PDB file of N, CA and C in Angstrom:
ATOM      1  N   MET A   1      24.635  54.337  78.742  1.00  0.00           N
ATOM      2  CA  MET A   1      25.104  54.735  77.390  1.00  0.00           C
ATOM      3  C   MET A   1      25.578  56.009  77.369  1.00  0.00           C
ATOM      4  N   VAL A   2      26.563  56.224  76.738  1.00  0.00           N
ATOM      5  CA  VAL A   2      27.336  57.553  76.558  1.00  0.00           C
ATOM      6  C   VAL A   2      26.487  58.493  75.504  1.00  0.00           C
ATOM      7  N   SER A   3      26.396  59.799  76.055  1.00  0.00           N
ATOM      8  CA  SER A   3      25.410  60.552  75.188  1.00  0.00           C
ATOM      9  C   SER A   3      26.295  61.229  74.002  1.00  0.00           C
ATOM     10  N   GLY A   4      27.551  60.894  73.887  1.00  0.00           N
ATOM     11  CA  GLY A   4      28.484  61.563  72.759  1.00  0.00           C
ATOM     12  C   GLY A   4      29.153  62.714  73.244  1.00  0.00           C
ATOM     13  N   GLU A   5      28.774  63.185  74.453  1.00  0.00           N
ATOM     14  CA  GLU A   5      29.454  64.405  74.777  1.00  0.00           C
ATOM     15  C   GLU A   5      30.953  64.124  75.010  1.00  0.00           C
ATOM     16  N   LEU A   6      31.316  63.011  75.628  1.00  0.00           N
ATOM     17  CA  LEU A   6      32.712  62.624  75.741  1.00  0.00           C
ATOM     18  C   LEU A   6      33.340  62.423  74.568  1.00  0.00           C
ATOM     19  N   GLU A   7      32.867  61.937  73.508  1.00  0.00           N
ATOM     20  CA  GLU A   7      33.437  61.839  72.217  1.00  0.00           C
ATOM     21  C   GLU A   7      33.784  63.158  71.663  1.00  0.00           C
ATOM     22  N   ARG A   8      32.588  64.036  71.701  1.00  0.00           N
ATOM     23  CA  ARG A   8      32.889  65.425  71.078  1.00  0.00           C
ATOM     24  C   ARG A   8      34.031  66.014  71.768  1.00  0.00           C
ATOM     25  N   THR A   9      34.013  66.051  73.174  1.00  0.00           N
ATOM     26  CA  THR A   9      35.128  66.724  73.991  1.00  0.00           C
ATOM     27  C   THR A   9      36.487  66.249  73.486  1.00  0.00           C
ATOM     28  N   ILE A  10      36.717  64.851  73.434  1.00  0.00           N
ATOM     29  CA  ILE A  10      37.958  64.399  73.006  1.00  0.00           C
ATOM     30  C   ILE A  10      38.259  64.915  71.698  1.00  0.00           C
ATOM     31  N   LEU A  11      37.347  64.875  70.727  1.00  0.00           N
ATOM     32  CA  LEU A  11      37.818  65.142  69.421  1.00  0.00           C
ATOM     33  C   LEU A  11      37.984  66.720  69.190  1.00  0.00           C
ATOM     34  N   THR A  12      37.499  67.472  70.025  1.00  0.00           N
ATOM     35  CA  THR A  12      37.819  69.005  69.924  1.00  0.00           C
ATOM     36  C   THR A  12      39.061  69.300  70.493  1.00  0.00           C
ATOM     37  N   VAL A  13      39.442  68.517  71.574  1.00  0.00           N
ATOM     38  CA  VAL A  13      40.826  68.853  72.182  1.00  0.00           C
ATOM     39  C   VAL A  13      41.954  68.058  71.599  1.00  0.00           C
ATOM     40  N   HIS A  14      41.839  66.824  71.058  1.00  0.00           N
ATOM     41  CA  HIS A  14      42.737  66.083  70.341  1.00  0.00           C
ATOM     42  C   HIS A  14      42.662  66.305  68.728  1.00  0.00           C
ATOM     43  N   LEU A  15      43.217  67.407  68.397  1.00  0.00           N
ATOM     44  CA  LEU A  15      43.088  67.827  66.919  1.00  0.00           C
ATOM     45  C   LEU A  15      44.082  66.961  65.984  1.00  0.00           C
ATOM     46  N   ARG A  16      43.669  66.373  64.928  1.00  0.00           N
ATOM     47  CA  ARG A  16      44.706  65.755  64.060  1.00  0.00           C
ATOM     48  C   ARG A  16      45.423  66.799  63.363  1.00  0.00           C
ATOM     49  N   GLY A  17      46.625  66.524  63.126  1.00  0.00           N
ATOM     50  CA  GLY A  17      47.517  67.298  62.338  1.00  0.00           C
ATOM     51  C   GLY A  17      47.367  66.866  60.764  1.00  0.00           C
ATOM     52  N   HIS A  18      48.144  67.305  59.905  1.00  0.00           N
ATOM     53  CA  HIS A  18      48.271  66.992  58.539  1.00  0.00           C
ATOM     54  C   HIS A  18      48.667  65.657  58.291  1.00  0.00           C
ATOM     55  N   ASP A  19      49.519  65.035  59.235  1.00  0.00           N
ATOM     56  CA  ASP A  19      49.995  63.742  59.134  1.00  0.00           C
ATOM     57  C   ASP A  19      48.965  62.615  59.871  1.00  0.00           C
ATOM     58  N   GLY A  20      47.744  63.059  60.421  1.00  0.00           N
ATOM     59  CA  GLY A  20      46.902  62.294  61.028  1.00  0.00           C
ATOM     60  C   GLY A  20      47.177  62.087  62.505  1.00  0.00           C
ATOM     61  N   MET A  21      48.428  62.520  62.970  1.00  0.00           N
ATOM     62  CA  MET A  21      48.818  62.414  64.395  1.00  0.00           C
ATOM     63  C   MET A  21      48.007  63.508  65.049  1.00  0.00           C
ATOM     64  N   CYS A  22      47.549  63.316  66.492  1.00  0.00           N
ATOM     65  CA  CYS A  22      46.969  64.112  67.307  1.00  0.00           C
ATOM     66  C   CYS A  22      48.075  65.359  67.708  1.00  0.00           C
ATOM     67  N   VAL A  23      47.755  66.436  67.410  1.00  0.00           N
ATOM     68  CA  VAL A  23      48.819  67.688  67.591  1.00  0.00           C
ATOM     69  C   VAL A  23      49.399  67.589  68.938  1.00  0.00           C
ATOM     70  N   GLY A  24      48.427  67.526  69.928  1.00  0.00           N
ATOM     71  CA  GLY A  24      48.777  67.780  71.304  1.00  0.00           C
ATOM     72  C   GLY A  24      49.628  66.554  71.865  1.00  0.00           C
ATOM     73  N   CYS A  25      49.082  65.386  71.326  1.00  0.00           N
ATOM     74  CA  CYS A  25      49.807  64.141  71.852  1.00  0.00           C
ATOM     75  C   CYS A  25      51.313  64.076  70.994  1.00  0.00           C
ATOM     76  N   LEU A  26      51.265  64.592  69.882  1.00  0.00           N
ATOM     77  CA  LEU A  26      52.519  64.374  69.202  1.00  0.00           C
ATOM     78  C   LEU A  26      53.597  65.473  69.880  1.00  0.00           C
ATOM     79  N   ALA A  27      52.978  66.562  70.305  1.00  0.00           N
ATOM     80  CA  ALA A  27      53.949  67.662  71.064  1.00  0.00           C
ATOM     81  C   ALA A  27      54.448  67.000  72.379  1.00  0.00           C
ATOM     82  N   TRP A  28      53.418  66.368  72.982  1.00  0.00           N
ATOM     83  CA  TRP A  28      53.787  65.934  74.349  1.00  0.00           C
ATOM     84  C   TRP A  28      54.471  64.460  74.304  1.00  0.00           C
ATOM     85  N   TRP A  29      54.100  63.653  73.374  1.00  0.00           N
ATOM     86  CA  TRP A  29      54.725  62.261  73.620  1.00  0.00           C
ATOM     87  C   TRP A  29      55.732  61.949  72.494  1.00  0.00           C
ATOM     88  N   SER A  30      55.968  62.803  71.443  1.00  0.00           N
ATOM     89  CA  SER A  30      56.789  62.503  70.458  1.00  0.00           C
ATOM     90  C   SER A  30      58.191  61.973  70.712  1.00  0.00           C
ATOM     91  N   ARG A  31      58.743  62.502  71.726  1.00  0.00           N
ATOM     92  CA  ARG A  31      60.074  61.988  72.045  1.00  0.00           C
ATOM     93  C   ARG A  31      60.209  60.585  72.514  1.00  0.00           C
ATOM     94  N   LEU A  32      58.821  60.122  73.053  1.00  0.00           N
ATOM     95  CA  LEU A  32      58.864  58.877  73.666  1.00  0.00           C
ATOM     96  C   LEU A  32      58.459  57.740  72.678  1.00  0.00           C
ATOM     97  N   VAL A  33      57.379  58.080  71.994  1.00  0.00           N
ATOM     98  CA  VAL A  33      56.687  57.060  71.118  1.00  0.00           C
ATOM     99  C   VAL A  33      56.080  57.887  69.985  1.00  0.00           C
ATOM    100  N   LEU A  34      56.078  57.565  68.737  1.00  0.00           N
ATOM    101  CA  LEU A  34      55.449  58.270  67.633  1.00  0.00           C
ATOM    102  C   LEU A  34      54.230  57.096  67.258  1.00  0.00           C
ATOM    103  N   TYR A  35      53.160  57.532  67.778  1.00  0.00           N
ATOM    104  CA  TYR A  35      52.036  56.507  67.573  1.00  0.00           C
ATOM    105  C   TYR A  35      50.668  57.396  67.487  1.00  0.00           C
ATOM    106  N   PRO A  36      49.843  57.063  66.619  1.00  0.00           N
ATOM    107  CA  PRO A  36      48.463  57.953  66.482  1.00  0.00           C
ATOM    108  C   PRO A  36      47.883  57.799  67.987  1.00  0.00           C
ATOM    109  N   CYS A  37      47.107  58.853  68.105  1.00  0.00           N
ATOM    110  CA  CYS A  37      46.483  59.089  69.472  1.00  0.00           C
ATOM    111  C   CYS A  37      45.238  58.089  69.575  1.00  0.00           C
ATOM    112  N   TRP A  38      45.411  57.340  70.753  1.00  0.00           N
ATOM    113  CA  TRP A  38      44.332  56.327  70.939  1.00  0.00           C
ATOM    114  C   TRP A  38      43.058  56.921  71.320  1.00  0.00           C
ATOM    115  N   GLN A  39      42.978  58.101  71.976  1.00  0.00           N
ATOM    116  CA  GLN A  39      41.652  58.700  72.269  1.00  0.00           C
ATOM    117  C   GLN A  39      40.938  59.191  71.148  1.00  0.00           C
ATOM    118  N   VAL A  40      41.578  59.610  70.036  1.00  0.00           N
ATOM    119  CA  VAL A  40      40.892  59.967  68.868  1.00  0.00           C
ATOM    120  C   VAL A  40      40.375  58.805  68.074  1.00  0.00           C
ATOM    121  N   GLU A  41      41.117  57.862  68.119  1.00  0.00           N
ATOM    122  CA  GLU A  41      40.687  56.509  67.391  1.00  0.00           C
ATOM    123  C   GLU A  41      39.451  55.949  68.175  1.00  0.00           C
ATOM    124  N   TRP A  42      39.394  55.989  69.521  1.00  0.00           N
ATOM    125  CA  TRP A  42      38.429  55.568  70.225  1.00  0.00           C
ATOM    126  C   TRP A  42      37.035  56.429  70.048  1.00  0.00           C
ATOM    127  N   ALA A  43      37.076  57.762  70.091  1.00  0.00           N
ATOM    128  CA  ALA A  43      36.100  58.691  69.964  1.00  0.00           C
ATOM    129  C   ALA A  43      35.481  58.723  68.535  1.00  0.00           C
ATOM    130  N   THR A  44      36.409  58.384  67.566  1.00  0.00           N
ATOM    131  CA  THR A  44      35.937  58.269  66.120  1.00  0.00           C
ATOM    132  C   THR A  44      35.093  56.945  65.976  1.00  0.00           C
ATOM    133  N   ARG A  45      35.691  55.824  66.517  1.00  0.00           N
ATOM    134  CA  ARG A  45      35.143  54.436  66.517  1.00  0.00           C
ATOM    135  C   ARG A  45      33.786  54.673  67.085  1.00  0.00           C
ATOM    136  N   ARG A  46      33.527  55.323  68.255  1.00  0.00           N
ATOM    137  CA  ARG A  46      32.280  55.350  69.072  1.00  0.00           C
ATOM    138  C   ARG A  46      31.208  56.300  68.271  1.00  0.00           C
ATOM    139  N   GLN A  47      31.669  57.296  67.679  1.00  0.00           N
ATOM    140  CA  GLN A  47      30.651  58.111  66.766  1.00  0.00           C
ATOM    141  C   GLN A  47      30.306  57.286  65.499  1.00  0.00           C
ATOM    142  N   ALA A  48      31.192  56.554  64.902  1.00  0.00           N
ATOM    143  CA  ALA A  48      30.788  55.789  63.767  1.00  0.00           C
ATOM    144  C   ALA A  48      29.779  54.655  64.154  1.00  0.00           C
ATOM    145  N   ARG A  49      29.976  54.184  65.413  1.00  0.00           N
ATOM    146  CA  ARG A  49      29.149  52.935  65.670  1.00  0.00           C
ATOM    147  C   ARG A  49      27.698  53.569  66.154  1.00  0.00           C
ATOM    148  N   ALA A  50      27.777  54.722  66.753  1.00  0.00           N
ATOM    149  CA  ALA A  50      26.395  55.435  66.901  1.00  0.00           C
ATOM    150  C   ALA A  50      25.761  55.765  65.844  1.00  0.00           C
ATOM    151  N   SER A  51      26.475  56.223  64.819  1.00  0.00           N
ATOM    152  CA  SER A  51      25.804  56.645  63.526  1.00  0.00           C
ATOM    153  C   SER A  51      25.190  55.578  62.819  1.00  0.00           C
ATOM    154  N   VAL A  52      25.870  54.317  62.882  1.00  0.00           N
ATOM    155  CA  VAL A  52      25.512  53.094  62.208  1.00  0.00           C
ATOM    156  C   VAL A  52      24.289  52.541  63.038  1.00  0.00           C
ATOM    157  N   ALA A  53      24.226  52.844  64.206  1.00  0.00           N
ATOM    158  CA  ALA A  53      22.989  52.235  65.102  1.00  0.00           C
ATOM    159  C   ALA A  53      21.892  53.142  64.890  1.00  0.00           C
ATOM    160  N   ARG A  54      22.126  54.444  64.658  1.00  0.00           N
ATOM    161  CA  ARG A  54      20.813  55.235  64.404  1.00  0.00           C
ATOM    162  C   ARG A  54      20.275  54.938  63.170  1.00  0.00           C
ATOM    163  N   PHE A  55      21.132  54.594  62.017  1.00  0.00           N
ATOM    164  CA  PHE A  55      20.761  54.262  60.869  1.00  0.00           C
ATOM    165  C   PHE A  55      20.015  52.966  60.613  1.00  0.00           C
ATOM    166  N   LEU A  56      20.506  52.109  61.422  1.00  0.00           N
ATOM    167  CA  LEU A  56      19.824  50.866  61.377  1.00  0.00           C
ATOM    168  C   LEU A  56      18.500  50.949  62.097  1.00  0.00           C
ATOM    169  N   ASP A  57      18.330  51.693  63.315  1.00  0.00           N
ATOM    170  CA  ASP A  57      17.173  51.987  63.920  1.00  0.00           C
ATOM    171  C   ASP A  57      16.152  52.519  62.981  1.00  0.00           C
ATOM    172  N   SER A  58      16.585  53.586  62.230  1.00  0.00           N
ATOM    173  CA  SER A  58      15.731  54.148  61.287  1.00  0.00           C
ATOM    174  C   SER A  58      15.067  53.340  60.188  1.00  0.00           C
ATOM    175  N   LEU A  59      15.849  52.118  59.910  1.00  0.00           N
ATOM    176  CA  LEU A  59      15.601  51.209  58.788  1.00  0.00           C
ATOM    177  C   LEU A  59      14.564  50.286  59.415  1.00  0.00           C
ATOM    178  N   SER A  60      14.694  49.850  60.678  1.00  0.00           N
ATOM    179  CA  SER A  60      13.832  48.937  61.316  1.00  0.00           C
ATOM    180  C   SER A  60      12.536  49.712  61.622  1.00  0.00           C
ATOM    181  N   CYS A  61      12.584  50.916  62.008  1.00  0.00           N
ATOM    182  CA  CYS A  61      11.224  51.577  62.220  1.00  0.00           C
ATOM    183  C   CYS A  61      10.369  51.754  60.824  1.00  0.00           C
ATOM    184  N   ALA A  62      11.169  51.929  59.738  1.00  0.00           N
ATOM    185  CA  ALA A  62      10.547  52.227  58.465  1.00  0.00           C
ATOM    186  C   ALA A  62       9.984  50.944  58.017  1.00  0.00           C
ATOM    187  N   LEU A  63      10.457  49.847  58.373  1.00  0.00           N
ATOM    188  CA  LEU A  63       9.908  48.447  58.018  1.00  0.00           C
ATOM    189  C   LEU A  63       8.842  48.072  58.607  1.00  0.00           C
ATOM    190  N   GLU A  64       8.677  48.502  59.753  1.00  0.00           N
ATOM    191  CA  GLU A  64       7.526  48.049  60.668  1.00  0.00           C
ATOM    192  C   GLU A  64       6.068  48.666  60.166  1.00  0.00           C
TER     193      GLU A  64
END
């Protein structure tokens, strides 16, 4: 299981600009393809999934 450190690292390095695009990826790849940073999308989904899992665990513990 990932501790969340990888997600935090990606989100600190790949900063979203005002248009939602990753600033670093936009500067690096903008001439080739204009597409949102998949690493930010992955890390954001992982953080959201972990948050929901913690919430559901707390509910199941409270009901026992």
